[in-house]
Amino acid sequence: MADSTEAIVRRKLSHEVFDRLKRMITEGELAPGDAMPSERDLMDRFGVGRPAIREAMQALANMGLINIAHGERARVRQPTAKSIFQQVDLPAHILLSGSPASLEHLKQARRFFERGMVREAAEKASAADVERLEETQRQQRERLGDPAAFIMADMRFHTQIAAISGNPIYEAVSEAILSWLRDYHTEALIWSGKENLTLAEHAEILDHIRNHDVDAAEAAMIRHLDRSSSLYAHPDQNPSGASKRSTA
């Protein structure tokens, strides 16, 4: 039973405005692409000052519900799987930076996720899907010696495999996981021949996708991720303080 002596906390006006504006969006009064009412209109409608309106609008923008552009009316945003995951980017980075165990959990989650994705890809890949992977592999090979560009092509290869499923949530999950892991690559290893090993492993995975060999594709992906897992290191697990970037 609730404590009858518990103090009643007065809500900030901006919180009330936020709730009302959110209901206008979630209940369909304002649809994706619609312009939000002007600040003056909202001030008159809710009987509050400009600061409360601006705080509420910023909170909506932080949640990815609206876009705010300088000099233009804010507009209701069309949510996508990618935009939803972008909202948790900062908390994810904070979680990983403070916890070596969380990095290990993320690597395990990636392994579980990608072995399923490559099975989907091997089963469903069209000729066009294979051509896209081949082009990404060619671009990655051309970027040997350019760590940043090589890593971007590496990430794109894995995300394209997830995209073959046709499920945009899978593609967004892949992009998010790889983005969060990227900070924990160990750069020293990129010059020790690991980049050529990555290319060879990608080629093997692609061959199995091309041949629609589901089991072989999964086995090749597992070998690739198990090998590359050790290239990700949390600073607390790496006392030498090596710079953080490599390939996988």
C-alpha atoms as a PDB file:
ATOM      1  CA  MET A   1       0.000   0.000   0.000  1.00  0.00           C
ATOM      2  CA  ALA A   2       1.318   3.445  -0.917  1.00  0.00           C
ATOM      3  CA  ASP A   3       2.636   5.670   1.860  1.00  0.00           C
ATOM      4  CA  SER A   4      -0.030   8.361   2.403  1.00  0.00           C
ATOM      5  CA  THR A   5       2.638  10.748   3.683  1.00  0.00           C
ATOM      6  CA  GLU A   6       4.665  10.576   0.426  1.00  0.00           C
ATOM      7  CA  ALA A   7       5.174  14.057  -0.966  1.00  0.00           C
ATOM      8  CA  ILE A   8       3.497  14.966  -4.261  1.00  0.00           C
ATOM      9  CA  VAL A   9       6.146  16.147  -6.681  1.00  0.00           C
ATOM     10  CA  ARG A  10       5.061  18.991  -8.914  1.00  0.00           C
ATOM     11  CA  ARG A  11       5.899  18.319 -12.543  1.00  0.00           C
ATOM     12  CA  LYS A  12       7.746  20.809 -14.666  1.00  0.00           C
ATOM     13  CA  LEU A  13       5.554  22.527 -17.234  1.00  0.00           C
ATOM     14  CA  SER A  14       7.838  21.294 -20.001  1.00  0.00           C
ATOM     15  CA  HIS A  15       7.151  17.686 -18.976  1.00  0.00           C
ATOM     16  CA  GLU A  16       3.411  18.240 -19.310  1.00  0.00           C
ATOM     17  CA  VAL A  17       3.872  19.926 -22.678  1.00  0.00           C
ATOM     18  CA  PHE A  18       6.074  17.047 -23.803  1.00  0.00           C
ATOM     19  CA  ASP A  19       3.411  14.488 -22.868  1.00  0.00           C
ATOM     20  CA  ARG A  20       0.712  16.400 -24.738  1.00  0.00           C
ATOM     21  CA  LEU A  21       2.815  16.832 -27.862  1.00  0.00           C
ATOM     22  CA  LYS A  22       3.842  13.178 -27.782  1.00  0.00           C
ATOM     23  CA  ARG A  23       0.173  12.151 -27.630  1.00  0.00           C
ATOM     24  CA  MET A  24      -0.555  14.379 -30.631  1.00  0.00           C
ATOM     25  CA  ILE A  25       2.057  12.396 -32.569  1.00  0.00           C
ATOM     26  CA  THR A  26       1.360   8.880 -31.288  1.00  0.00           C
ATOM     27  CA  GLU A  27      -2.420   9.252 -31.646  1.00  0.00           C
ATOM     28  CA  GLY A  28      -2.150  10.527 -35.225  1.00  0.00           C
ATOM     29  CA  GLU A  29      -3.166  14.152 -34.788  1.00  0.00           C
ATOM     30  CA  LEU A  30       0.260  14.958 -36.246  1.00  0.00           C
ATOM     31  CA  ALA A  31       1.542  12.544 -38.907  1.00  0.00           C
ATOM     32  CA  PRO A  32       5.101  11.959 -40.166  1.00  0.00           C
ATOM     33  CA  GLY A  33       6.128  14.906 -42.315  1.00  0.00           C
ATOM     34  CA  ASP A  34       3.635  17.321 -40.741  1.00  0.00           C
ATOM     35  CA  ALA A  35       4.937  20.624 -39.446  1.00  0.00           C
ATOM     36  CA  MET A  36       4.630  21.094 -35.713  1.00  0.00           C
ATOM     37  CA  PRO A  37       2.504  24.050 -34.551  1.00  0.00           C
ATOM     38  CA  SER A  38       4.479  27.253 -34.070  1.00  0.00           C
ATOM     39  CA  GLU A  39       5.854  28.146 -30.660  1.00  0.00           C
ATOM     40  CA  ARG A  40       3.303  30.973 -30.405  1.00  0.00           C
ATOM     41  CA  ASP A  41       0.418  28.623 -31.228  1.00  0.00           C
ATOM     42  CA  LEU A  42       1.581  26.120 -28.611  1.00  0.00           C
ATOM     43  CA  MET A  43       2.088  28.835 -25.999  1.00  0.00           C
ATOM     44  CA  ASP A  44      -1.496  30.012 -26.554  1.00  0.00           C
ATOM     45  CA  ARG A  45      -2.893  26.484 -26.679  1.00  0.00           C
ATOM     46  CA  PHE A  46      -1.242  25.257 -23.481  1.00  0.00           C
ATOM     47  CA  GLY A  47      -0.988  28.540 -21.605  1.00  0.00           C
ATOM     48  CA  VAL A  48       2.734  28.238 -20.959  1.00  0.00           C
ATOM     49  CA  GLY A  49       5.838  30.262 -21.748  1.00  0.00           C
ATOM     50  CA  ARG A  50       8.358  29.813 -24.543  1.00  0.00           C
ATOM     51  CA  PRO A  51      10.992  28.013 -22.382  1.00  0.00           C
ATOM     52  CA  ALA A  52       8.577  25.180 -21.579  1.00  0.00           C
ATOM     53  CA  ILE A  53       7.732  24.779 -25.270  1.00  0.00           C
ATOM     54  CA  ARG A  54      11.375  24.735 -26.316  1.00  0.00           C
ATOM     55  CA  GLU A  55      12.363  22.233 -23.630  1.00  0.00           C
ATOM     56  CA  ALA A  56       9.537  19.915 -24.673  1.00  0.00           C
ATOM     57  CA  MET A  57      10.397  20.217 -28.360  1.00  0.00           C
ATOM     58  CA  GLN A  58      14.051  19.446 -27.678  1.00  0.00           C
ATOM     59  CA  ALA A  59      13.040  16.370 -25.686  1.00  0.00           C
ATOM     60  CA  LEU A  60      10.939  15.189 -28.636  1.00  0.00           C
ATOM     61  CA  ALA A  61      13.907  15.722 -30.951  1.00  0.00           C
ATOM     62  CA  ASN A  62      16.189  13.792 -28.585  1.00  0.00           C
ATOM     63  CA  MET A  63      13.771  10.873 -28.779  1.00  0.00           C
ATOM     64  CA  GLY A  64      13.830  11.000 -32.568  1.00  0.00           C
ATOM     65  CA  LEU A  65      10.168  11.972 -32.848  1.00  0.00           C
ATOM     66  CA  ILE A  66      10.724  15.325 -34.590  1.00  0.00           C
ATOM     67  CA  ASN A  67      13.387  17.073 -36.642  1.00  0.00           C
ATOM     68  CA  ILE A  68      14.383  20.586 -35.667  1.00  0.00           C
ATOM     69  CA  ALA A  69      16.089  22.706 -38.333  1.00  0.00           C
ATOM     70  CA  HIS A  70      17.315  26.264 -37.811  1.00  0.00           C
ATOM     71  CA  GLY A  71      14.944  28.792 -39.323  1.00  0.00           C
ATOM     72  CA  GLU A  72      12.283  26.211 -40.187  1.00  0.00           C
ATOM     73  CA  ARG A  73       9.251  24.753 -38.465  1.00  0.00           C
ATOM     74  CA  ALA A  74       9.978  21.484 -36.677  1.00  0.00           C
ATOM     75  CA  ARG A  75       8.478  18.464 -38.421  1.00  0.00           C
ATOM     76  CA  VAL A  76       7.292  15.071 -37.253  1.00  0.00           C
ATOM     77  CA  ARG A  77       9.865  12.454 -38.127  1.00  0.00           C
ATOM     78  CA  GLN A  78       9.142   9.155 -39.835  1.00  0.00           C
ATOM     79  CA  PRO A  79      10.731   6.597 -37.496  1.00  0.00           C
ATOM     80  CA  THR A  80      12.944   3.948 -39.060  1.00  0.00           C
ATOM     81  CA  ALA A  81      14.766   0.995 -37.559  1.00  0.00           C
ATOM     82  CA  LYS A  82      18.044   2.867 -38.063  1.00  0.00           C
ATOM     83  CA  SER A  83      16.834   6.070 -36.388  1.00  0.00           C
ATOM     84  CA  ILE A  84      15.550   4.103 -33.403  1.00  0.00           C
ATOM     85  CA  PHE A  85      18.913   2.453 -32.806  1.00  0.00           C
ATOM     86  CA  GLN A  86      20.659   5.797 -33.208  1.00  0.00           C
ATOM     87  CA  GLN A  87      18.799   6.984 -30.112  1.00  0.00           C
ATOM     88  CA  VAL A  88      20.696   4.467 -27.974  1.00  0.00           C
ATOM     89  CA  ASP A  89      24.136   5.151 -29.450  1.00  0.00           C
ATOM     90  CA  LEU A  90      25.347   7.317 -26.581  1.00  0.00           C
ATOM     91  CA  PRO A  91      24.084   5.037 -23.770  1.00  0.00           C
ATOM     92  CA  ALA A  92      25.618   2.049 -25.568  1.00  0.00           C
ATOM     93  CA  HIS A  93      29.013   3.744 -25.815  1.00  0.00           C
ATOM     94  CA  ILE A  94      28.858   4.731 -22.144  1.00  0.00           C
ATOM     95  CA  LEU A  95      27.947   1.164 -21.141  1.00  0.00           C
ATOM     96  CA  LEU A  96      30.805  -0.318 -23.155  1.00  0.00           C
ATOM     97  CA  SER A  97      33.393   2.235 -22.052  1.00  0.00           C
ATOM     98  CA  GLY A  98      32.778   1.453 -18.397  1.00  0.00           C
ATOM     99  CA  SER A  99      32.559  -2.316 -18.571  1.00  0.00           C
ATOM    100  CA  PRO A 100      34.914  -4.870 -20.162  1.00  0.00           C
ATOM    101  CA  ALA A 101      32.249  -7.502 -19.503  1.00  0.00           C
ATOM    102  CA  SER A 102      29.769  -5.579 -21.652  1.00  0.00           C
ATOM    103  CA  LEU A 103      32.208  -5.649 -24.566  1.00  0.00           C
ATOM    104  CA  GLU A 104      32.456  -9.426 -24.226  1.00  0.00           C
ATOM    105  CA  HIS A 105      28.667  -9.680 -24.132  1.00  0.00           C
ATOM    106  CA  LEU A 106      28.413  -7.575 -27.287  1.00  0.00           C
ATOM    107  CA  LYS A 107      30.917  -9.778 -29.104  1.00  0.00           C
ATOM    108  CA  GLN A 108      28.910 -12.851 -28.095  1.00  0.00           C
ATOM    109  CA  ALA A 109      25.706 -11.195 -29.298  1.00  0.00           C
ATOM    110  CA  ARG A 110      27.331 -10.362 -32.620  1.00  0.00           C
ATOM    111  CA  ARG A 111      28.418 -13.990 -33.076  1.00  0.00           C
ATOM    112  CA  PHE A 112      24.907 -15.264 -32.367  1.00  0.00           C
ATOM    113  CA  PHE A 113      23.340 -12.654 -34.660  1.00  0.00           C
ATOM    114  CA  GLU A 114      25.700 -12.954 -37.629  1.00  0.00           C
ATOM    115  CA  ARG A 115      25.629 -16.733 -37.820  1.00  0.00           C
ATOM    116  CA  GLY A 116      21.876 -16.440 -38.320  1.00  0.00           C
ATOM    117  CA  MET A 117      22.222 -13.609 -40.810  1.00  0.00           C
ATOM    118  CA  VAL A 118      24.693 -15.456 -43.005  1.00  0.00           C
ATOM    119  CA  ARG A 119      22.363 -18.468 -43.105  1.00  0.00           C
ATOM    120  CA  GLU A 120      19.568 -16.177 -44.309  1.00  0.00           C
ATOM    121  CA  ALA A 121      21.905 -14.660 -46.882  1.00  0.00           C
ATOM    122  CA  ALA A 122      23.064 -18.029 -48.219  1.00  0.00           C
ATOM    123  CA  GLU A 123      19.460 -19.144 -48.556  1.00  0.00           C
ATOM    124  CA  LYS A 124      18.033 -15.971 -50.115  1.00  0.00           C
ATOM    125  CA  ALA A 125      20.862 -14.164 -51.938  1.00  0.00           C
ATOM    126  CA  SER A 126      20.040 -13.058 -55.461  1.00  0.00           C
ATOM    127  CA  ALA A 127      22.588 -12.441 -58.206  1.00  0.00           C
ATOM    128  CA  ALA A 128      22.324  -8.709 -57.436  1.00  0.00           C
ATOM    129  CA  ASP A 129      23.026  -9.344 -53.738  1.00  0.00           C
ATOM    130  CA  VAL A 130      26.133 -11.325 -54.621  1.00  0.00           C
ATOM    131  CA  GLU A 131      27.293  -8.577 -56.989  1.00  0.00           C
ATOM    132  CA  ARG A 132      26.999  -6.003 -54.197  1.00  0.00           C
ATOM    133  CA  LEU A 133      29.094  -8.153 -51.879  1.00  0.00           C
ATOM    134  CA  GLU A 134      31.661  -8.712 -54.622  1.00  0.00           C
ATOM    135  CA  GLU A 135      31.920  -4.971 -55.225  1.00  0.00           C
ATOM    136  CA  THR A 136      32.373  -4.283 -51.506  1.00  0.00           C
ATOM    137  CA  GLN A 137      35.050  -6.963 -51.336  1.00  0.00           C
ATOM    138  CA  ARG A 138      36.826  -5.362 -54.319  1.00  0.00           C
ATOM    139  CA  GLN A 139      36.672  -1.932 -52.642  1.00  0.00           C
ATOM    140  CA  GLN A 140      38.037  -3.365 -49.410  1.00  0.00           C
ATOM    141  CA  ARG A 141      40.946  -4.983 -51.240  1.00  0.00           C
ATOM    142  CA  GLU A 142      41.738  -1.649 -52.913  1.00  0.00           C
ATOM    143  CA  ARG A 143      41.874   0.040 -49.504  1.00  0.00           C
ATOM    144  CA  LEU A 144      44.717  -2.012 -48.094  1.00  0.00           C
ATOM    145  CA  GLY A 145      47.030   0.458 -46.386  1.00  0.00           C
ATOM    146  CA  ASP A 146      44.176   2.823 -45.503  1.00  0.00           C
ATOM    147  CA  PRO A 147      42.917   1.506 -42.144  1.00  0.00           C
ATOM    148  CA  ALA A 148      39.871   3.773 -41.816  1.00  0.00           C
ATOM    149  CA  ALA A 149      38.597   3.070 -45.338  1.00  0.00           C
ATOM    150  CA  PHE A 150      39.391  -0.641 -45.026  1.00  0.00           C
ATOM    151  CA  ILE A 151      37.371  -0.885 -41.806  1.00  0.00           C
ATOM    152  CA  MET A 152      34.411   0.947 -43.337  1.00  0.00           C
ATOM    153  CA  ALA A 153      34.341  -1.497 -46.260  1.00  0.00           C
ATOM    154  CA  ASP A 154      34.661  -4.351 -43.760  1.00  0.00           C
ATOM    155  CA  MET A 155      31.639  -3.150 -41.822  1.00  0.00           C
ATOM    156  CA  ARG A 156      29.681  -2.625 -45.042  1.00  0.00           C
ATOM    157  CA  PHE A 157      30.310  -6.246 -46.078  1.00  0.00           C
ATOM    158  CA  HIS A 158      28.776  -7.559 -42.853  1.00  0.00           C
ATOM    159  CA  THR A 159      25.842  -5.149 -42.945  1.00  0.00           C
ATOM    160  CA  GLN A 160      25.078  -6.073 -46.564  1.00  0.00           C
ATOM    161  CA  ILE A 161      24.863  -9.708 -45.508  1.00  0.00           C
ATOM    162  CA  ALA A 162      22.244  -8.750 -42.912  1.00  0.00           C
ATOM    163  CA  ALA A 163      20.373  -6.650 -45.501  1.00  0.00           C
ATOM    164  CA  ILE A 164      19.886  -9.683 -47.767  1.00  0.00           C
ATOM    165  CA  SER A 165      17.254 -10.873 -45.299  1.00  0.00           C
ATOM    166  CA  GLY A 166      15.002  -8.041 -46.475  1.00  0.00           C
ATOM    167  CA  ASN A 167      14.345  -7.096 -42.845  1.00  0.00           C
ATOM    168  CA  PRO A 168      15.381  -3.484 -42.121  1.00  0.00           C
ATOM    169  CA  ILE A 169      15.585  -4.205 -38.398  1.00  0.00           C
ATOM    170  CA  TYR A 170      18.288  -6.816 -39.019  1.00  0.00           C
ATOM    171  CA  GLU A 171      20.248  -4.320 -41.114  1.00  0.00           C
ATOM    172  CA  ALA A 172      19.920  -1.659 -38.409  1.00  0.00           C
ATOM    173  CA  VAL A 173      21.026  -4.099 -35.699  1.00  0.00           C
ATOM    174  CA  SER A 174      24.093  -4.992 -37.763  1.00  0.00           C
ATOM    175  CA  GLU A 175      25.024  -1.333 -38.274  1.00  0.00           C
ATOM    176  CA  ALA A 176      24.569  -0.580 -34.572  1.00  0.00           C
ATOM    177  CA  ILE A 177      26.625  -3.522 -33.315  1.00  0.00           C
ATOM    178  CA  LEU A 178      29.493  -2.796 -35.700  1.00  0.00           C
ATOM    179  CA  SER A 179      29.437   0.895 -34.847  1.00  0.00           C
ATOM    180  CA  TRP A 180      29.624   0.148 -31.124  1.00  0.00           C
ATOM    181  CA  LEU A 181      32.439  -2.366 -31.599  1.00  0.00           C
ATOM    182  CA  ARG A 182      34.529  -0.143 -33.819  1.00  0.00           C
ATOM    183  CA  ASP A 183      35.978   1.842 -30.916  1.00  0.00           C
ATOM    184  CA  TYR A 184      37.577  -1.335 -29.583  1.00  0.00           C
ATOM    185  CA  HIS A 185      39.629  -2.409 -32.603  1.00  0.00           C
ATOM    186  CA  THR A 186      43.362  -2.593 -31.844  1.00  0.00           C
ATOM    187  CA  GLU A 187      45.133  -0.637 -34.564  1.00  0.00           C
ATOM    188  CA  ALA A 188      48.544  -2.296 -34.173  1.00  0.00           C
ATOM    189  CA  LEU A 189      47.192  -5.541 -35.582  1.00  0.00           C
ATOM    190  CA  ILE A 190      46.103  -4.093 -38.907  1.00  0.00           C
ATOM    191  CA  TRP A 191      49.725  -4.003 -40.060  1.00  0.00           C
ATOM    192  CA  SER A 192      50.517  -7.590 -39.035  1.00  0.00           C
ATOM    193  CA  GLY A 193      48.859  -9.358 -41.983  1.00  0.00           C
ATOM    194  CA  LYS A 194      45.433  -9.629 -40.408  1.00  0.00           C
ATOM    195  CA  GLU A 195      43.898  -7.498 -43.145  1.00  0.00           C
ATOM    196  CA  ASN A 196      44.794 -10.137 -45.771  1.00  0.00           C
ATOM    197  CA  LEU A 197      43.365 -12.847 -43.534  1.00  0.00           C
ATOM    198  CA  THR A 198      40.153 -10.849 -43.278  1.00  0.00           C
ATOM    199  CA  LEU A 199      39.933 -10.618 -47.071  1.00  0.00           C
ATOM    200  CA  ALA A 200      40.465 -14.368 -47.424  1.00  0.00           C
ATOM    201  CA  GLU A 201      37.782 -15.123 -44.839  1.00  0.00           C
ATOM    202  CA  HIS A 202      35.336 -12.746 -46.497  1.00  0.00           C
ATOM    203  CA  ALA A 203      36.011 -14.427 -49.848  1.00  0.00           C
ATOM    204  CA  GLU A 204      35.232 -17.838 -48.347  1.00  0.00           C
ATOM    205  CA  ILE A 205      31.986 -16.568 -46.803  1.00  0.00           C
ATOM    206  CA  LEU A 206      30.999 -14.987 -50.112  1.00  0.00           C
ATOM    207  CA  ASP A 207      31.700 -18.205 -52.041  1.00  0.00           C
ATOM    208  CA  HIS A 208      29.309 -20.124 -49.784  1.00  0.00           C
ATOM    209  CA  ILE A 209      26.636 -17.423 -50.095  1.00  0.00           C
ATOM    210  CA  ARG A 210      27.031 -17.495 -53.887  1.00  0.00           C
ATOM    211  CA  ASN A 211      26.613 -21.289 -53.865  1.00  0.00           C
ATOM    212  CA  HIS A 212      23.673 -21.130 -51.411  1.00  0.00           C
ATOM    213  CA  ASP A 213      25.515 -23.464 -49.025  1.00  0.00           C
ATOM    214  CA  VAL A 214      23.841 -22.488 -45.766  1.00  0.00           C
ATOM    215  CA  ASP A 215      25.782 -24.713 -43.372  1.00  0.00           C
ATOM    216  CA  ALA A 216      29.177 -23.935 -44.899  1.00  0.00           C
ATOM    217  CA  ALA A 217      28.426 -20.205 -44.841  1.00  0.00           C
ATOM    218  CA  GLU A 218      27.568 -20.370 -41.149  1.00  0.00           C
ATOM    219  CA  ALA A 219      30.693 -22.377 -40.335  1.00  0.00           C
ATOM    220  CA  ALA A 220      32.896 -19.910 -42.241  1.00  0.00           C
ATOM    221  CA  MET A 221      31.301 -16.938 -40.475  1.00  0.00           C
ATOM    222  CA  ILE A 222      31.821 -18.547 -37.060  1.00  0.00           C
ATOM    223  CA  ARG A 223      35.504 -19.146 -37.833  1.00  0.00           C
ATOM    224  CA  HIS A 224      35.880 -15.563 -39.023  1.00  0.00           C
ATOM    225  CA  LEU A 225      34.219 -14.041 -35.954  1.00  0.00           C
ATOM    226  CA  ASP A 226      36.001 -16.333 -33.502  1.00  0.00           C
ATOM    227  CA  ARG A 227      39.323 -15.348 -35.013  1.00  0.00           C
ATOM    228  CA  SER A 228      38.548 -11.632 -35.161  1.00  0.00           C
ATOM    229  CA  SER A 229      36.998 -11.519 -31.680  1.00  0.00           C
ATOM    230  CA  SER A 230      40.440 -11.351 -30.094  1.00  0.00           C
ATOM    231  CA  LEU A 231      41.191  -8.171 -32.076  1.00  0.00           C
ATOM    232  CA  TYR A 232      38.696  -6.227 -29.970  1.00  0.00           C
ATOM    233  CA  ALA A 233      40.120  -5.080 -26.639  1.00  0.00           C
ATOM    234  CA  HIS A 234      38.777  -2.928 -23.843  1.00  0.00           C
ATOM    235  CA  PRO A 235      41.346  -0.453 -22.378  1.00  0.00           C
ATOM    236  CA  ASP A 236      40.936  -2.083 -18.972  1.00  0.00           C
ATOM    237  CA  GLN A 237      42.022  -5.378 -20.554  1.00  0.00           C
ATOM    238  CA  ASN A 238      44.923  -3.801 -22.427  1.00  0.00           C
ATOM    239  CA  PRO A 239      47.309  -2.102 -19.958  1.00  0.00           C
ATOM    240  CA  SER A 240      49.804  -1.246 -22.698  1.00  0.00           C
ATOM    241  CA  GLY A 241      47.388   1.430 -23.902  1.00  0.00           C
ATOM    242  CA  ALA A 242      47.510   0.397 -27.553  1.00  0.00           C
ATOM    243  CA  SER A 243      45.423   2.470 -29.937  1.00  0.00           C
ATOM    244  CA  LYS A 244      41.996   0.994 -30.646  1.00  0.00           C
ATOM    245  CA  ARG A 245      41.311  -0.084 -34.218  1.00  0.00           C
ATOM    246  CA  SER A 246      41.699  -3.141 -36.462  1.00  0.00           C
ATOM    247  CA  THR A 247      39.781  -5.281 -38.929  1.00  0.00           C
ATOM    248  CA  ALA A 248      37.004  -7.808 -38.729  1.00  0.00           C
END
